[in-house]
Amino acid sequence: MSLLNFFEVRIENTNACFYKCKMCPREKLNRKIGVMSKDDFIVIMKRLKDFNGSFHLHGFGEPLLDRGLIEKVKIAKKFHPKSSVGLISTLGVKVEKEYFQKLILAGLDAIIISIYGFSDKTYKKIHNFDGFSLAKKNMTFLSNAMKKLKKGSCEITIKIPDFLSSQVALEESIEGIETFLSWSENLNFNIRPRSYVHNYGNGRSYNPSQTDKICPVVEGKRGQILNIDKDLNVIPCCYDFNSTIKFGNLKKQTLQEIFSSEEYFNFILAHQTDNLSSYVVCQNCEKLDY
């Protein structure tokens, strides 16, 4: 498989997280918790030569818990200067005041801030972590860094739940969101709705399985997204949070070898013939192509 087929590479720099969000099947995670080493990250960069798309440095964890994150951003930019590097974060991690300035100067191009709950009480209830004040403090640090650097190249977006479609966010009041939005006006971040709560494969059951659709990893845009977990396993998509389906491993194999493997072709055939008995994580999937 040519790298030209991938427009995005998602690298799980860590699967650690302090949060236990009610919409996230964290309690079912049985993989060893850890952080991808610098050497392993470099292995990925070398395997992806000539890639000029987007890197997303996050997986089933909180990327800011990786204290080597700034160095990894620098490495990604060194090996792939034409690529973009972004991440999704709750910002619920204690960092030094100048941390975000250093992260942006390292070459980070985008941060998506994920937040559910807009008061101390509802935030803690949904995220199972008392981090609302910390997240707001880090948003202020991030905003100040952007103003100080006067850089427009790093795009900051806050994703908030859409109350009409998010079953989790219904516990928050409209007034809570309005208060938060009023507070955040001076941050100069983009505000976008998060209109969907996922099943995470077999992790949750918010939505009915789309049995009449074929997996978009097989026929769709998700087939152009390369997913790599912290142990360098190539997995089909980010919803396989326990890495139950491994096409191969970049420590031992090239991308060409991985996407010529029996494991990969068995996965494709199973979805084409609608025989998912060997793929439990796929059986409850919504099969959304985005």
C-alpha atoms as a PDB file:
ATOM      1  CA  MET A   1       0.000   0.000   0.000  1.00  0.00           C
ATOM      2  CA  SER A   2       1.399   3.371  -1.015  1.00  0.00           C
ATOM      3  CA  LEU A   3       1.648   6.185   1.496  1.00  0.00           C
ATOM      4  CA  LEU A   4      -0.227   8.276  -1.050  1.00  0.00           C
ATOM      5  CA  ASN A   5      -3.363   6.428   0.068  1.00  0.00           C
ATOM      6  CA  PHE A   6      -3.125   7.940   3.563  1.00  0.00           C
ATOM      7  CA  PHE A   7      -4.025  11.541   4.225  1.00  0.00           C
ATOM      8  CA  GLU A   8      -3.860  11.178   8.020  1.00  0.00           C
ATOM      9  CA  VAL A   9      -1.759   9.194  10.498  1.00  0.00           C
ATOM     10  CA  ARG A  10      -2.993   8.800  14.078  1.00  0.00           C
ATOM     11  CA  ILE A  11      -0.232   7.948  16.519  1.00  0.00           C
ATOM     12  CA  GLU A  12      -1.098   6.987  20.084  1.00  0.00           C
ATOM     13  CA  ASN A  13       1.755   8.616  21.980  1.00  0.00           C
ATOM     14  CA  THR A  14       0.192   7.363  25.233  1.00  0.00           C
ATOM     15  CA  ASN A  15      -2.865   5.441  26.376  1.00  0.00           C
ATOM     16  CA  ALA A  16      -2.688   6.892  29.892  1.00  0.00           C
ATOM     17  CA  CYS A  17      -5.470   9.142  31.174  1.00  0.00           C
ATOM     18  CA  PHE A  18      -6.593  10.465  34.569  1.00  0.00           C
ATOM     19  CA  TYR A  19     -10.174  10.820  33.344  1.00  0.00           C
ATOM     20  CA  LYS A  20     -12.876   8.154  33.432  1.00  0.00           C
ATOM     21  CA  CYS A  21     -15.436   9.811  31.194  1.00  0.00           C
ATOM     22  CA  LYS A  22     -18.826   8.117  31.186  1.00  0.00           C
ATOM     23  CA  MET A  23     -18.926   8.030  27.364  1.00  0.00           C
ATOM     24  CA  CYS A  24     -15.454   6.459  27.129  1.00  0.00           C
ATOM     25  CA  PRO A  25     -15.046   2.692  27.826  1.00  0.00           C
ATOM     26  CA  ARG A  26     -11.899   3.253  29.865  1.00  0.00           C
ATOM     27  CA  GLU A  27     -12.911   0.596  32.400  1.00  0.00           C
ATOM     28  CA  LYS A  28     -12.651  -2.021  29.638  1.00  0.00           C
ATOM     29  CA  LEU A  29      -9.083  -1.111  28.678  1.00  0.00           C
ATOM     30  CA  ASN A  30      -6.871  -4.142  29.310  1.00  0.00           C
ATOM     31  CA  ARG A  31      -3.732  -3.068  27.489  1.00  0.00           C
ATOM     32  CA  LYS A  32      -0.690  -2.111  29.539  1.00  0.00           C
ATOM     33  CA  ILE A  33      -0.649   1.618  30.256  1.00  0.00           C
ATOM     34  CA  GLY A  34       2.404   3.452  29.001  1.00  0.00           C
ATOM     35  CA  VAL A  35       4.001   6.099  26.830  1.00  0.00           C
ATOM     36  CA  MET A  36       5.543   5.564  23.407  1.00  0.00           C
ATOM     37  CA  SER A  37       9.300   5.957  23.592  1.00  0.00           C
ATOM     38  CA  LYS A  38      11.201   8.494  21.541  1.00  0.00           C
ATOM     39  CA  ASP A  39      13.024   5.679  19.726  1.00  0.00           C
ATOM     40  CA  ASP A  40       9.757   3.986  18.762  1.00  0.00           C
ATOM     41  CA  PHE A  41       8.372   7.301  17.553  1.00  0.00           C
ATOM     42  CA  ILE A  42      11.432   7.716  15.328  1.00  0.00           C
ATOM     43  CA  VAL A  43      10.837   4.209  13.928  1.00  0.00           C
ATOM     44  CA  ILE A  44       7.380   5.363  12.798  1.00  0.00           C
ATOM     45  CA  MET A  45       8.785   8.531  11.239  1.00  0.00           C
ATOM     46  CA  LYS A  46      11.293   6.489   9.247  1.00  0.00           C
ATOM     47  CA  ARG A  47       8.627   4.038   8.107  1.00  0.00           C
ATOM     48  CA  LEU A  48       6.534   6.950   6.843  1.00  0.00           C
ATOM     49  CA  LYS A  49       9.078   8.543   4.565  1.00  0.00           C
ATOM     50  CA  ASP A  50       7.613  10.904   1.952  1.00  0.00           C
ATOM     51  CA  PHE A  51       4.396  11.342   3.967  1.00  0.00           C
ATOM     52  CA  ASN A  52       3.115  14.932   3.806  1.00  0.00           C
ATOM     53  CA  GLY A  53      -0.355  14.625   5.335  1.00  0.00           C
ATOM     54  CA  SER A  54      -1.612  15.175   8.873  1.00  0.00           C
ATOM     55  CA  PHE A  55      -0.261  13.620  12.057  1.00  0.00           C
ATOM     56  CA  HIS A  56      -2.619  13.330  15.030  1.00  0.00           C
ATOM     57  CA  LEU A  57      -0.686  12.635  18.226  1.00  0.00           C
ATOM     58  CA  HIS A  58      -3.404  11.110  20.342  1.00  0.00           C
ATOM     59  CA  GLY A  59      -5.094   7.777  20.824  1.00  0.00           C
ATOM     60  CA  PHE A  60      -6.957   6.193  23.710  1.00  0.00           C
ATOM     61  CA  GLY A  61      -5.296   8.507  26.215  1.00  0.00           C
ATOM     62  CA  GLU A  62      -4.454  12.089  27.135  1.00  0.00           C
ATOM     63  CA  PRO A  63      -1.492  13.248  24.994  1.00  0.00           C
ATOM     64  CA  LEU A  64      -0.355  15.905  27.490  1.00  0.00           C
ATOM     65  CA  LEU A  65       0.582  13.129  29.942  1.00  0.00           C
ATOM     66  CA  ASP A  66       3.469  12.350  27.604  1.00  0.00           C
ATOM     67  CA  ARG A  67       6.274  14.521  28.945  1.00  0.00           C
ATOM     68  CA  GLY A  68       8.149  13.904  25.729  1.00  0.00           C
ATOM     69  CA  LEU A  69       5.355  15.352  23.596  1.00  0.00           C
ATOM     70  CA  ILE A  70       7.229  18.540  22.671  1.00  0.00           C
ATOM     71  CA  GLU A  71      10.194  16.481  21.494  1.00  0.00           C
ATOM     72  CA  LYS A  72       7.932  14.215  19.440  1.00  0.00           C
ATOM     73  CA  VAL A  73       6.389  17.235  17.699  1.00  0.00           C
ATOM     74  CA  LYS A  74       9.884  18.450  16.828  1.00  0.00           C
ATOM     75  CA  ILE A  75      10.825  15.008  15.504  1.00  0.00           C
ATOM     76  CA  ALA A  76       7.687  14.809  13.349  1.00  0.00           C
ATOM     77  CA  LYS A  77       8.466  18.203  11.841  1.00  0.00           C
ATOM     78  CA  LYS A  78      12.110  17.259  11.287  1.00  0.00           C
ATOM     79  CA  PHE A  79      11.262  14.095   9.360  1.00  0.00           C
ATOM     80  CA  HIS A  80       8.151  15.497   7.669  1.00  0.00           C
ATOM     81  CA  PRO A  81       8.445  19.295   7.402  1.00  0.00           C
ATOM     82  CA  LYS A  82       5.512  19.571   4.994  1.00  0.00           C
ATOM     83  CA  SER A  83       3.135  17.675   7.246  1.00  0.00           C
ATOM     84  CA  SER A  84       0.811  19.128   9.882  1.00  0.00           C
ATOM     85  CA  VAL A  85       0.796  17.967  13.512  1.00  0.00           C
ATOM     86  CA  GLY A  86      -2.224  18.165  15.803  1.00  0.00           C
ATOM     87  CA  LEU A  87      -3.774  16.588  18.869  1.00  0.00           C
ATOM     88  CA  ILE A  88      -6.981  16.310  20.891  1.00  0.00           C
ATOM     89  CA  SER A  89      -6.786  17.073  24.613  1.00  0.00           C
ATOM     90  CA  THR A  90      -8.979  17.738  27.627  1.00  0.00           C
ATOM     91  CA  LEU A  91      -6.250  20.126  28.869  1.00  0.00           C
ATOM     92  CA  GLY A  92      -6.843  18.506  32.253  1.00  0.00           C
ATOM     93  CA  VAL A  93      -3.141  18.067  33.026  1.00  0.00           C
ATOM     94  CA  LYS A  94      -0.974  20.350  35.147  1.00  0.00           C
ATOM     95  CA  VAL A  95       1.684  22.000  32.994  1.00  0.00           C
ATOM     96  CA  GLU A  96       4.012  24.950  33.423  1.00  0.00           C
ATOM     97  CA  LYS A  97       2.796  28.361  32.338  1.00  0.00           C
ATOM     98  CA  GLU A  98       5.017  28.443  29.241  1.00  0.00           C
ATOM     99  CA  TYR A  99       4.306  24.863  28.176  1.00  0.00           C
ATOM    100  CA  PHE A 100       1.924  25.681  25.342  1.00  0.00           C
ATOM    101  CA  GLN A 101       4.231  28.321  23.969  1.00  0.00           C
ATOM    102  CA  LYS A 102       6.983  25.691  23.749  1.00  0.00           C
ATOM    103  CA  LEU A 103       4.594  23.196  22.172  1.00  0.00           C
ATOM    104  CA  ILE A 104       3.542  25.644  19.463  1.00  0.00           C
ATOM    105  CA  LEU A 105       7.124  26.725  18.806  1.00  0.00           C
ATOM    106  CA  ALA A 106       8.028  23.046  18.396  1.00  0.00           C
ATOM    107  CA  GLY A 107       5.725  23.019  15.384  1.00  0.00           C
ATOM    108  CA  LEU A 108       2.276  22.024  16.606  1.00  0.00           C
ATOM    109  CA  ASP A 109      -0.339  23.092  14.052  1.00  0.00           C
ATOM    110  CA  ALA A 110      -3.638  22.330  15.760  1.00  0.00           C
ATOM    111  CA  ILE A 111      -5.212  21.556  19.132  1.00  0.00           C
ATOM    112  CA  ILE A 112      -8.781  20.367  19.605  1.00  0.00           C
ATOM    113  CA  ILE A 113      -9.995  20.843  23.177  1.00  0.00           C
ATOM    114  CA  SER A 114     -12.564  18.247  24.200  1.00  0.00           C
ATOM    115  CA  ILE A 115     -14.942  19.293  26.957  1.00  0.00           C
ATOM    116  CA  TYR A 116     -18.233  17.987  28.334  1.00  0.00           C
ATOM    117  CA  GLY A 117     -19.845  19.683  31.317  1.00  0.00           C
ATOM    118  CA  PHE A 118     -19.592  23.410  31.985  1.00  0.00           C
ATOM    119  CA  SER A 119     -19.583  23.727  35.746  1.00  0.00           C
ATOM    120  CA  ASP A 120     -17.438  22.047  38.388  1.00  0.00           C
ATOM    121  CA  LYS A 121     -20.324  19.742  39.305  1.00  0.00           C
ATOM    122  CA  THR A 122     -21.396  18.563  35.850  1.00  0.00           C
ATOM    123  CA  TYR A 123     -17.838  18.401  34.524  1.00  0.00           C
ATOM    124  CA  LYS A 124     -16.865  16.057  37.365  1.00  0.00           C
ATOM    125  CA  LYS A 125     -20.034  14.004  36.897  1.00  0.00           C
ATOM    126  CA  ILE A 126     -19.407  13.412  33.184  1.00  0.00           C
ATOM    127  CA  HIS A 127     -15.601  13.143  33.211  1.00  0.00           C
ATOM    128  CA  ASN A 128     -15.278  11.532  36.658  1.00  0.00           C
ATOM    129  CA  PHE A 129     -12.428  13.947  37.270  1.00  0.00           C
ATOM    130  CA  ASP A 130     -12.456  17.277  39.066  1.00  0.00           C
ATOM    131  CA  GLY A 131     -10.647  19.119  36.319  1.00  0.00           C
ATOM    132  CA  PHE A 132     -12.897  21.941  35.154  1.00  0.00           C
ATOM    133  CA  SER A 133     -10.883  24.735  36.781  1.00  0.00           C
ATOM    134  CA  LEU A 134      -7.610  23.193  35.577  1.00  0.00           C
ATOM    135  CA  ALA A 135      -8.885  22.917  32.012  1.00  0.00           C
ATOM    136  CA  LYS A 136      -9.974  26.575  32.062  1.00  0.00           C
ATOM    137  CA  LYS A 137      -6.609  27.601  33.506  1.00  0.00           C
ATOM    138  CA  ASN A 138      -4.792  25.794  30.697  1.00  0.00           C
ATOM    139  CA  MET A 139      -7.088  27.363  28.112  1.00  0.00           C
ATOM    140  CA  THR A 140      -5.975  30.740  29.449  1.00  0.00           C
ATOM    141  CA  PHE A 141      -2.309  29.674  29.251  1.00  0.00           C
ATOM    142  CA  LEU A 142      -2.873  28.506  25.680  1.00  0.00           C
ATOM    143  CA  SER A 143      -4.654  31.706  24.686  1.00  0.00           C
ATOM    144  CA  ASN A 144      -1.880  33.837  26.198  1.00  0.00           C
ATOM    145  CA  ALA A 145       0.722  31.800  24.320  1.00  0.00           C
ATOM    146  CA  MET A 146      -1.068  32.395  21.035  1.00  0.00           C
ATOM    147  CA  LYS A 147      -1.299  36.141  21.701  1.00  0.00           C
ATOM    148  CA  LYS A 148       2.359  36.338  22.704  1.00  0.00           C
ATOM    149  CA  LEU A 149       3.608  34.422  19.699  1.00  0.00           C
ATOM    150  CA  LYS A 150       1.248  36.183  17.311  1.00  0.00           C
ATOM    151  CA  LYS A 151       1.175  32.968  15.304  1.00  0.00           C
ATOM    152  CA  GLY A 152      -1.854  32.149  13.225  1.00  0.00           C
ATOM    153  CA  SER A 153      -0.505  28.773  12.164  1.00  0.00           C
ATOM    154  CA  CYS A 154      -1.733  26.883  15.245  1.00  0.00           C
ATOM    155  CA  GLU A 155      -5.494  26.452  15.061  1.00  0.00           C
ATOM    156  CA  ILE A 156      -7.237  26.061  18.419  1.00  0.00           C
ATOM    157  CA  THR A 157     -10.749  24.619  18.503  1.00  0.00           C
ATOM    158  CA  ILE A 158     -13.009  23.937  21.465  1.00  0.00           C
ATOM    159  CA  LYS A 159     -15.472  21.139  20.732  1.00  0.00           C
ATOM    160  CA  ILE A 160     -18.598  21.313  22.832  1.00  0.00           C
ATOM    161  CA  PRO A 161     -21.545  18.888  22.825  1.00  0.00           C
ATOM    162  CA  ASP A 162     -24.576  19.547  20.663  1.00  0.00           C
ATOM    163  CA  PHE A 163     -27.479  19.247  23.102  1.00  0.00           C
ATOM    164  CA  LEU A 164     -29.881  18.040  20.452  1.00  0.00           C
ATOM    165  CA  SER A 165     -27.814  14.958  19.630  1.00  0.00           C
ATOM    166  CA  SER A 166     -25.418  14.260  22.502  1.00  0.00           C
ATOM    167  CA  GLN A 167     -27.020  11.907  25.012  1.00  0.00           C
ATOM    168  CA  VAL A 168     -24.241  12.478  27.526  1.00  0.00           C
ATOM    169  CA  ALA A 169     -24.371  16.269  27.511  1.00  0.00           C
ATOM    170  CA  LEU A 170     -28.053  16.435  28.396  1.00  0.00           C
ATOM    171  CA  GLU A 171     -26.995  16.500  32.038  1.00  0.00           C
ATOM    172  CA  GLU A 172     -25.627  20.020  31.593  1.00  0.00           C
ATOM    173  CA  SER A 173     -27.831  23.112  31.482  1.00  0.00           C
ATOM    174  CA  ILE A 174     -28.061  25.498  28.572  1.00  0.00           C
ATOM    175  CA  GLU A 175     -27.158  28.238  31.042  1.00  0.00           C
ATOM    176  CA  GLY A 176     -23.945  26.385  31.846  1.00  0.00           C
ATOM    177  CA  ILE A 177     -22.860  26.458  28.231  1.00  0.00           C
ATOM    178  CA  GLU A 178     -23.821  30.092  27.805  1.00  0.00           C
ATOM    179  CA  THR A 179     -21.749  31.034  30.867  1.00  0.00           C
ATOM    180  CA  PHE A 180     -18.787  29.091  29.514  1.00  0.00           C
ATOM    181  CA  LEU A 181     -19.084  30.602  26.043  1.00  0.00           C
ATOM    182  CA  SER A 182     -19.248  34.070  27.539  1.00  0.00           C
ATOM    183  CA  TRP A 183     -16.090  33.344  29.557  1.00  0.00           C
ATOM    184  CA  SER A 184     -14.273  31.937  26.533  1.00  0.00           C
ATOM    185  CA  GLU A 185     -14.953  34.879  24.176  1.00  0.00           C
ATOM    186  CA  ASN A 186     -11.580  36.511  24.839  1.00  0.00           C
ATOM    187  CA  LEU A 187      -9.662  33.303  24.193  1.00  0.00           C
ATOM    188  CA  ASN A 188     -10.089  33.757  20.436  1.00  0.00           C
ATOM    189  CA  PHE A 189     -10.539  30.023  19.827  1.00  0.00           C
ATOM    190  CA  ASN A 190     -12.846  28.385  17.314  1.00  0.00           C
ATOM    191  CA  ILE A 191     -16.005  26.908  18.844  1.00  0.00           C
ATOM    192  CA  ARG A 192     -17.523  23.905  17.121  1.00  0.00           C
ATOM    193  CA  PRO A 193     -20.234  21.438  18.127  1.00  0.00           C
ATOM    194  CA  ARG A 194     -19.458  17.805  18.792  1.00  0.00           C
ATOM    195  CA  SER A 195     -22.585  16.234  17.419  1.00  0.00           C
ATOM    196  CA  TYR A 196     -22.043  12.582  18.175  1.00  0.00           C
ATOM    197  CA  VAL A 197     -21.368  10.212  21.068  1.00  0.00           C
ATOM    198  CA  HIS A 198     -19.667   7.032  19.865  1.00  0.00           C
ATOM    199  CA  ASN A 199     -20.134   3.371  20.663  1.00  0.00           C
ATOM    200  CA  TYR A 200     -16.355   2.824  20.567  1.00  0.00           C
ATOM    201  CA  GLY A 201     -16.975  -0.469  18.808  1.00  0.00           C
ATOM    202  CA  ASN A 202     -18.173  -2.793  21.556  1.00  0.00           C
ATOM    203  CA  GLY A 203     -17.296  -0.335  24.321  1.00  0.00           C
ATOM    204  CA  ARG A 204     -20.655   1.445  24.535  1.00  0.00           C
ATOM    205  CA  SER A 205     -24.143   1.092  23.034  1.00  0.00           C
ATOM    206  CA  TYR A 206     -25.416   4.625  22.504  1.00  0.00           C
ATOM    207  CA  ASN A 207     -26.344   4.024  18.872  1.00  0.00           C
ATOM    208  CA  PRO A 208     -27.691   1.100  16.834  1.00  0.00           C
ATOM    209  CA  SER A 209     -25.192  -0.856  14.792  1.00  0.00           C
ATOM    210  CA  GLN A 210     -25.365   0.008  11.100  1.00  0.00           C
ATOM    211  CA  THR A 211     -25.705  -3.543   9.829  1.00  0.00           C
ATOM    212  CA  ASP A 212     -26.673  -2.382   6.340  1.00  0.00           C
ATOM    213  CA  LYS A 213     -23.368  -0.544   5.849  1.00  0.00           C
ATOM    214  CA  ILE A 214     -19.897  -1.805   5.121  1.00  0.00           C
ATOM    215  CA  CYS A 215     -17.008  -0.727   7.311  1.00  0.00           C
ATOM    216  CA  PRO A 216     -15.535   2.579   6.036  1.00  0.00           C
ATOM    217  CA  VAL A 217     -12.060   1.171   6.714  1.00  0.00           C
ATOM    218  CA  VAL A 218     -12.836  -1.256   3.894  1.00  0.00           C
ATOM    219  CA  GLU A 219     -14.790   1.093   1.629  1.00  0.00           C
ATOM    220  CA  GLY A 220     -14.576   4.715   2.693  1.00  0.00           C
ATOM    221  CA  LYS A 221     -12.455   7.541   4.025  1.00  0.00           C
ATOM    222  CA  ARG A 222     -11.329   5.661   7.128  1.00  0.00           C
ATOM    223  CA  GLY A 223      -9.325   3.379   4.862  1.00  0.00           C
ATOM    224  CA  GLN A 224      -7.093   6.386   4.234  1.00  0.00           C
ATOM    225  CA  ILE A 225      -6.363   6.919   7.937  1.00  0.00           C
ATOM    226  CA  LEU A 226      -3.430   4.997   9.380  1.00  0.00           C
ATOM    227  CA  ASN A 227      -3.865   4.119  13.062  1.00  0.00           C
ATOM    228  CA  ILE A 228      -0.827   3.180  15.165  1.00  0.00           C
ATOM    229  CA  ASP A 229      -1.068   2.322  18.862  1.00  0.00           C
ATOM    230  CA  LYS A 230       1.602   3.062  21.474  1.00  0.00           C
ATOM    231  CA  ASP A 231       3.252  -0.328  20.883  1.00  0.00           C
ATOM    232  CA  LEU A 232       3.512   0.354  17.132  1.00  0.00           C
ATOM    233  CA  ASN A 233       0.716  -2.022  16.195  1.00  0.00           C
ATOM    234  CA  VAL A 234      -1.207  -0.969  13.084  1.00  0.00           C
ATOM    235  CA  ILE A 235      -4.920  -1.323  13.878  1.00  0.00           C
ATOM    236  CA  PRO A 236      -7.974  -0.671  11.676  1.00  0.00           C
ATOM    237  CA  CYS A 237      -9.375   2.359  13.479  1.00  0.00           C
ATOM    238  CA  CYS A 238      -9.275   4.394  16.680  1.00  0.00           C
ATOM    239  CA  TYR A 239     -12.387   2.665  18.080  1.00  0.00           C
ATOM    240  CA  ASP A 240     -10.459  -0.577  18.542  1.00  0.00           C
ATOM    241  CA  PHE A 241      -9.305   0.792  21.904  1.00  0.00           C
ATOM    242  CA  ASN A 242      -7.835  -2.519  23.089  1.00  0.00           C
ATOM    243  CA  SER A 243      -5.978  -3.162  19.816  1.00  0.00           C
ATOM    244  CA  THR A 244      -7.787  -6.461  19.382  1.00  0.00           C
ATOM    245  CA  ILE A 245      -7.218  -6.374  15.609  1.00  0.00           C
ATOM    246  CA  LYS A 246      -3.557  -6.062  14.671  1.00  0.00           C
ATOM    247  CA  PHE A 247      -2.628  -5.943  11.002  1.00  0.00           C
ATOM    248  CA  GLY A 248       1.066  -5.909  11.892  1.00  0.00           C
ATOM    249  CA  ASN A 249       3.746  -4.052  13.809  1.00  0.00           C
ATOM    250  CA  LEU A 250       6.005  -1.294  12.501  1.00  0.00           C
ATOM    251  CA  LYS A 251       8.935  -2.413  14.667  1.00  0.00           C
ATOM    252  CA  LYS A 252       9.180  -5.574  12.584  1.00  0.00           C
ATOM    253  CA  GLN A 253       7.393  -4.829   9.319  1.00  0.00           C
ATOM    254  CA  THR A 254       7.128  -2.198   6.635  1.00  0.00           C
ATOM    255  CA  LEU A 255       3.769  -0.725   5.697  1.00  0.00           C
ATOM    256  CA  GLN A 256       3.854  -2.709   2.476  1.00  0.00           C
ATOM    257  CA  GLU A 257       4.312  -5.936   4.438  1.00  0.00           C
ATOM    258  CA  ILE A 258       1.567  -5.060   6.919  1.00  0.00           C
ATOM    259  CA  PHE A 259      -0.993  -4.254   4.237  1.00  0.00           C
ATOM    260  CA  SER A 260      -0.086  -7.406   2.341  1.00  0.00           C
ATOM    261  CA  SER A 261      -0.517  -9.556   5.436  1.00  0.00           C
ATOM    262  CA  GLU A 262      -3.004 -12.354   6.023  1.00  0.00           C
ATOM    263  CA  GLU A 263      -4.366 -10.425   9.022  1.00  0.00           C
ATOM    264  CA  TYR A 264      -5.249  -7.450   6.842  1.00  0.00           C
ATOM    265  CA  PHE A 265      -6.861  -9.483   4.069  1.00  0.00           C
ATOM    266  CA  ASN A 266      -8.860 -11.570   6.558  1.00  0.00           C
ATOM    267  CA  PHE A 267     -10.267  -8.343   8.007  1.00  0.00           C
ATOM    268  CA  ILE A 268     -11.245  -7.039   4.566  1.00  0.00           C
ATOM    269  CA  LEU A 269     -12.848 -10.348   3.576  1.00  0.00           C
ATOM    270  CA  ALA A 270     -14.801 -10.599   6.844  1.00  0.00           C
ATOM    271  CA  HIS A 271     -16.397  -7.214   6.246  1.00  0.00           C
ATOM    272  CA  GLN A 272     -17.066  -7.826   2.589  1.00  0.00           C
ATOM    273  CA  THR A 273     -18.852 -11.088   3.402  1.00  0.00           C
ATOM    274  CA  ASP A 274     -20.479  -9.681   6.573  1.00  0.00           C
ATOM    275  CA  ASN A 275     -18.939 -12.399   8.735  1.00  0.00           C
ATOM    276  CA  LEU A 276     -17.757 -10.538  11.832  1.00  0.00           C
ATOM    277  CA  SER A 277     -17.697 -13.488  14.230  1.00  0.00           C
ATOM    278  CA  SER A 278     -13.933 -13.072  14.706  1.00  0.00           C
ATOM    279  CA  TYR A 279     -14.158  -9.295  15.157  1.00  0.00           C
ATOM    280  CA  VAL A 280     -16.199  -8.567  18.273  1.00  0.00           C
ATOM    281  CA  VAL A 281     -15.155  -4.909  18.348  1.00  0.00           C
ATOM    282  CA  CYS A 282     -16.757  -4.403  14.914  1.00  0.00           C
ATOM    283  CA  GLN A 283     -20.124  -5.960  15.685  1.00  0.00           C
ATOM    284  CA  ASN A 284     -21.634  -2.925  17.418  1.00  0.00           C
ATOM    285  CA  CYS A 285     -19.992  -0.253  15.258  1.00  0.00           C
ATOM    286  CA  GLU A 286     -21.981   2.610  13.712  1.00  0.00           C
ATOM    287  CA  LYS A 287     -19.690   2.507  10.655  1.00  0.00           C
ATOM    288  CA  LEU A 288     -19.617   6.280  10.275  1.00  0.00           C
ATOM    289  CA  ASP A 289     -17.237   7.523   7.600  1.00  0.00           C
ATOM    290  CA  TYR A 290     -15.572  10.637   8.995  1.00  0.00           C
END
